[in-house]
Structure formats: C-alpha cells, structure tokens
Amino acid sequence: MATVEERVKQVTGRLLKIDPASIKTGDNFGADLGAESIQSVELVASFEEEFGIEMDEDAALAVTTVGSAVEFITQVCNEQGVQI
C-alpha cells in the first residue's frame, strides 16, 4: 500500500497535471507547483476523498508545502481513527 506521502503526491500530480515523481516534499503548492486558490480548495477536497477524512478547510488551506500536507493529513487521520 502506498504511503501517505506517495498518495499526497499522486493526488497533487493528478489535479495539477504534473508528474507525481517530480514533486518533492519541500515543494510549495502555489509557488513551486503552480496551484491557484481554486485548485487549493480542490486539493483539500481530493485529499479528503482519498483518505476518507474531513479536514477543517481553513486549517487545511493554511498548509503550504507537500511535506506539511503529509504531516497534517497523518494527524487528521490519527485523530479521526482512519487507518493509513
């Protein structure tokens, strides 16, 4: 099974139409990967669907890097008792 990081990169790559293999954990969604504000909202929704969780939208949108997203999603999964 894919790790949280691999799944975050897959979802990000699919939504932003970039190769997931080129995405690094330090990449900023906006500055490095080109996500616009509407795409950031779509990313949050896609992550919720991928992991079967519900995230606070404001807190999720405050996450700016791929690595931070991995940590945030892991934390939310743990809080919500979702197996990852």
N, C-alpha and C. Protein backbone atom coordinates (compact mmCIF):
# COMPACT_ATOMS: atom_id res chain seq x y z
N MET A 1 0.85 -1.20 0.00
CA MET A 1 0.00 0.00 0.00
C MET A 1 0.88 1.25 0.00
N ALA A 2 0.43 2.25 -0.71
CA ALA A 2 1.19 3.49 -0.83
C ALA A 2 1.23 4.24 0.50
N THR A 3 2.32 4.95 0.73
CA THR A 3 2.45 5.76 1.93
C THR A 3 1.59 7.02 1.79
N VAL A 4 1.41 7.72 2.91
CA VAL A 4 0.67 8.98 2.87
C VAL A 4 1.36 9.93 1.89
N GLU A 5 2.68 10.00 1.95
CA GLU A 5 3.42 10.90 1.06
C GLU A 5 3.18 10.55 -0.41
N GLU A 6 3.24 9.26 -0.74
CA GLU A 6 3.02 8.85 -2.13
C GLU A 6 1.61 9.19 -2.58
N ARG A 7 0.64 8.99 -1.71
CA ARG A 7 -0.75 9.28 -2.06
C ARG A 7 -0.97 10.79 -2.22
N VAL A 8 -0.35 11.60 -1.36
CA VAL A 8 -0.46 13.06 -1.48
C VAL A 8 0.14 13.50 -2.82
N LYS A 9 1.28 12.95 -3.18
CA LYS A 9 1.92 13.31 -4.45
C LYS A 9 1.07 12.87 -5.64
N GLN A 10 0.47 11.68 -5.56
CA GLN A 10 -0.39 11.19 -6.64
C GLN A 10 -1.59 12.13 -6.86
N VAL A 11 -2.27 12.46 -5.77
CA VAL A 11 -3.45 13.34 -5.85
C VAL A 11 -3.04 14.71 -6.38
N THR A 12 -1.94 15.24 -5.86
CA THR A 12 -1.46 16.56 -6.28
C THR A 12 -1.10 16.54 -7.77
N GLY A 13 -0.38 15.52 -8.19
CA GLY A 13 0.01 15.42 -9.59
C GLY A 13 -1.18 15.31 -10.52
N ARG A 14 -2.16 14.50 -10.11
CA ARG A 14 -3.35 14.30 -10.94
C ARG A 14 -4.12 15.63 -11.08
N LEU A 15 -4.29 16.34 -9.98
CA LEU A 15 -5.08 17.58 -10.01
C LEU A 15 -4.35 18.71 -10.73
N LEU A 16 -3.04 18.81 -10.51
CA LEU A 16 -2.29 19.91 -11.11
C LEU A 16 -1.66 19.55 -12.45
N LYS A 17 -1.92 18.30 -12.89
CA LYS A 17 -1.43 17.83 -14.19
C LYS A 17 0.10 17.91 -14.28
N ILE A 18 0.77 17.38 -13.25
CA ILE A 18 2.22 17.29 -13.25
C ILE A 18 2.62 15.87 -12.82
N ASP A 19 3.82 15.49 -13.16
CA ASP A 19 4.32 14.16 -12.85
C ASP A 19 4.53 14.03 -11.33
N PRO A 20 3.82 13.11 -10.68
CA PRO A 20 3.99 12.94 -9.23
C PRO A 20 5.44 12.66 -8.84
N ALA A 21 6.20 12.03 -9.72
CA ALA A 21 7.61 11.72 -9.41
C ALA A 21 8.47 12.98 -9.31
N SER A 22 8.00 14.07 -9.91
CA SER A 22 8.77 15.32 -9.87
C SER A 22 8.45 16.16 -8.65
N ILE A 23 7.46 15.75 -7.87
CA ILE A 23 7.03 16.52 -6.70
C ILE A 23 7.92 16.16 -5.51
N LYS A 24 8.44 17.19 -4.84
CA LYS A 24 9.29 17.00 -3.66
C LYS A 24 8.54 17.42 -2.41
N THR A 25 8.93 16.86 -1.26
CA THR A 25 8.21 17.19 -0.02
C THR A 25 8.34 18.66 0.35
N GLY A 26 9.41 19.32 -0.07
CA GLY A 26 9.59 20.73 0.24
C GLY A 26 8.88 21.68 -0.70
N ASP A 27 8.25 21.13 -1.75
CA ASP A 27 7.57 21.98 -2.73
C ASP A 27 6.38 22.71 -2.12
N ASN A 28 6.28 23.99 -2.45
CA ASN A 28 5.14 24.81 -2.05
C ASN A 28 4.06 24.63 -3.11
N PHE A 29 2.83 24.37 -2.66
CA PHE A 29 1.74 24.11 -3.62
C PHE A 29 1.57 25.26 -4.61
N GLY A 30 1.63 26.49 -4.13
CA GLY A 30 1.44 27.64 -5.01
C GLY A 30 2.70 28.03 -5.76
N ALA A 31 3.76 28.34 -5.02
CA ALA A 31 4.99 28.88 -5.62
C ALA A 31 5.71 27.87 -6.50
N ASP A 32 5.82 26.62 -6.05
CA ASP A 32 6.59 25.62 -6.79
C ASP A 32 5.75 24.78 -7.75
N LEU A 33 4.51 24.51 -7.37
CA LEU A 33 3.68 23.60 -8.18
C LEU A 33 2.61 24.32 -8.98
N GLY A 34 2.46 25.62 -8.76
CA GLY A 34 1.55 26.42 -9.57
C GLY A 34 0.07 26.33 -9.22
N ALA A 35 -0.24 25.83 -8.02
CA ALA A 35 -1.66 25.74 -7.63
C ALA A 35 -2.23 27.13 -7.40
N GLU A 36 -3.38 27.38 -8.02
CA GLU A 36 -4.09 28.64 -7.79
C GLU A 36 -5.08 28.41 -6.65
N SER A 37 -5.69 29.46 -6.16
CA SER A 37 -6.54 29.34 -4.97
C SER A 37 -7.68 28.33 -5.15
N ILE A 38 -8.31 28.32 -6.31
CA ILE A 38 -9.40 27.36 -6.52
C ILE A 38 -8.86 25.93 -6.53
N GLN A 39 -7.65 25.75 -7.06
CA GLN A 39 -7.05 24.42 -7.06
C GLN A 39 -6.69 23.98 -5.64
N SER A 40 -6.35 24.93 -4.79
CA SER A 40 -6.05 24.59 -3.39
C SER A 40 -7.29 24.02 -2.72
N VAL A 41 -8.44 24.62 -2.99
CA VAL A 41 -9.70 24.12 -2.44
C VAL A 41 -9.99 22.72 -3.00
N GLU A 42 -9.74 22.54 -4.30
CA GLU A 42 -9.94 21.23 -4.93
C GLU A 42 -8.99 20.19 -4.35
N LEU A 43 -7.75 20.60 -4.03
CA LEU A 43 -6.80 19.67 -3.42
C LEU A 43 -7.30 19.20 -2.06
N VAL A 44 -7.83 20.13 -1.25
CA VAL A 44 -8.36 19.75 0.06
C VAL A 44 -9.46 18.71 -0.11
N ALA A 45 -10.39 18.98 -1.02
CA ALA A 45 -11.49 18.04 -1.26
C ALA A 45 -10.96 16.69 -1.76
N SER A 46 -9.96 16.72 -2.62
CA SER A 46 -9.39 15.48 -3.15
C SER A 46 -8.68 14.68 -2.07
N PHE A 47 -7.97 15.37 -1.18
CA PHE A 47 -7.30 14.69 -0.07
C PHE A 47 -8.33 14.06 0.87
N GLU A 48 -9.42 14.79 1.12
CA GLU A 48 -10.48 14.25 1.98
C GLU A 48 -11.05 12.96 1.38
N GLU A 49 -11.28 12.99 0.08
CA GLU A 49 -11.83 11.82 -0.61
C GLU A 49 -10.82 10.67 -0.61
N GLU A 50 -9.56 10.97 -0.90
CA GLU A 50 -8.51 9.95 -0.98
C GLU A 50 -8.33 9.23 0.35
N PHE A 51 -8.38 9.99 1.45
CA PHE A 51 -8.09 9.41 2.76
C PHE A 51 -9.33 9.10 3.59
N GLY A 52 -10.51 9.50 3.10
CA GLY A 52 -11.74 9.24 3.84
C GLY A 52 -11.83 10.02 5.14
N ILE A 53 -11.41 11.28 5.08
CA ILE A 53 -11.39 12.13 6.27
C ILE A 53 -12.12 13.44 5.98
N GLU A 54 -12.36 14.20 7.05
CA GLU A 54 -12.87 15.56 6.92
C GLU A 54 -11.88 16.49 7.59
N MET A 55 -11.44 17.49 6.82
CA MET A 55 -10.47 18.45 7.35
C MET A 55 -11.12 19.81 7.53
N ASP A 56 -10.67 20.54 8.54
CA ASP A 56 -11.06 21.94 8.69
C ASP A 56 -10.48 22.69 7.50
N GLU A 57 -11.35 23.30 6.70
CA GLU A 57 -10.89 23.91 5.45
C GLU A 57 -9.87 25.01 5.67
N ASP A 58 -10.10 25.87 6.66
CA ASP A 58 -9.15 26.96 6.91
C ASP A 58 -7.79 26.42 7.32
N ALA A 59 -7.79 25.42 8.20
CA ALA A 59 -6.52 24.82 8.64
C ALA A 59 -5.84 24.13 7.47
N ALA A 60 -6.61 23.42 6.65
CA ALA A 60 -6.04 22.71 5.51
C ALA A 60 -5.46 23.68 4.49
N LEU A 61 -6.15 24.79 4.25
CA LEU A 61 -5.67 25.77 3.28
C LEU A 61 -4.43 26.52 3.77
N ALA A 62 -4.19 26.49 5.08
CA ALA A 62 -3.00 27.13 5.64
C ALA A 62 -1.75 26.29 5.43
N VAL A 63 -1.94 25.02 5.04
CA VAL A 63 -0.81 24.13 4.77
C VAL A 63 -0.24 24.52 3.40
N THR A 64 1.07 24.80 3.36
CA THR A 64 1.63 25.34 2.13
C THR A 64 2.56 24.41 1.37
N THR A 65 3.11 23.39 2.05
CA THR A 65 4.05 22.51 1.35
C THR A 65 3.55 21.07 1.34
N VAL A 66 4.10 20.28 0.44
CA VAL A 66 3.73 18.87 0.32
C VAL A 66 4.03 18.14 1.63
N GLY A 67 5.21 18.39 2.19
CA GLY A 67 5.58 17.75 3.45
C GLY A 67 4.65 18.11 4.59
N SER A 68 4.26 19.37 4.66
CA SER A 68 3.31 19.81 5.69
C SER A 68 1.96 19.15 5.50
N ALA A 69 1.56 18.97 4.25
CA ALA A 69 0.29 18.31 3.96
C ALA A 69 0.32 16.87 4.44
N VAL A 70 1.45 16.18 4.22
CA VAL A 70 1.60 14.80 4.67
C VAL A 70 1.44 14.73 6.19
N GLU A 71 2.10 15.65 6.91
CA GLU A 71 2.01 15.68 8.37
C GLU A 71 0.58 16.00 8.82
N PHE A 72 -0.03 16.99 8.19
CA PHE A 72 -1.39 17.41 8.56
C PHE A 72 -2.39 16.28 8.33
N ILE A 73 -2.30 15.65 7.17
CA ILE A 73 -3.24 14.56 6.84
C ILE A 73 -3.03 13.38 7.78
N THR A 74 -1.77 13.06 8.08
CA THR A 74 -1.48 11.98 9.03
C THR A 74 -2.11 12.26 10.38
N GLN A 75 -1.97 13.51 10.83
CA GLN A 75 -2.54 13.91 12.12
C GLN A 75 -4.07 13.80 12.11
N VAL A 76 -4.70 14.28 11.05
CA VAL A 76 -6.16 14.22 10.95
C VAL A 76 -6.63 12.76 10.90
N CYS A 77 -5.92 11.93 10.15
CA CYS A 77 -6.28 10.50 10.08
C CYS A 77 -6.21 9.87 11.48
N ASN A 78 -5.15 10.18 12.21
CA ASN A 78 -4.99 9.65 13.57
C ASN A 78 -6.11 10.14 14.49
N GLU A 79 -6.43 11.43 14.40
CA GLU A 79 -7.50 12.00 15.23
C GLU A 79 -8.85 11.38 14.93
N GLN A 80 -9.08 11.06 13.64
CA GLN A 80 -10.37 10.53 13.22
C GLN A 80 -10.41 9.00 13.19
N GLY A 81 -9.31 8.38 13.61
CA GLY A 81 -9.26 6.92 13.68
C GLY A 81 -9.27 6.24 12.32
N VAL A 82 -8.73 6.94 11.31
CA VAL A 82 -8.69 6.39 9.96
C VAL A 82 -7.36 5.67 9.77
N GLN A 83 -7.43 4.42 9.35
CA GLN A 83 -6.23 3.62 9.10
C GLN A 83 -5.52 4.12 7.85
N ILE A 84 -4.20 4.37 7.98
CA ILE A 84 -3.44 4.83 6.81
C ILE A 84 -2.27 3.90 6.52
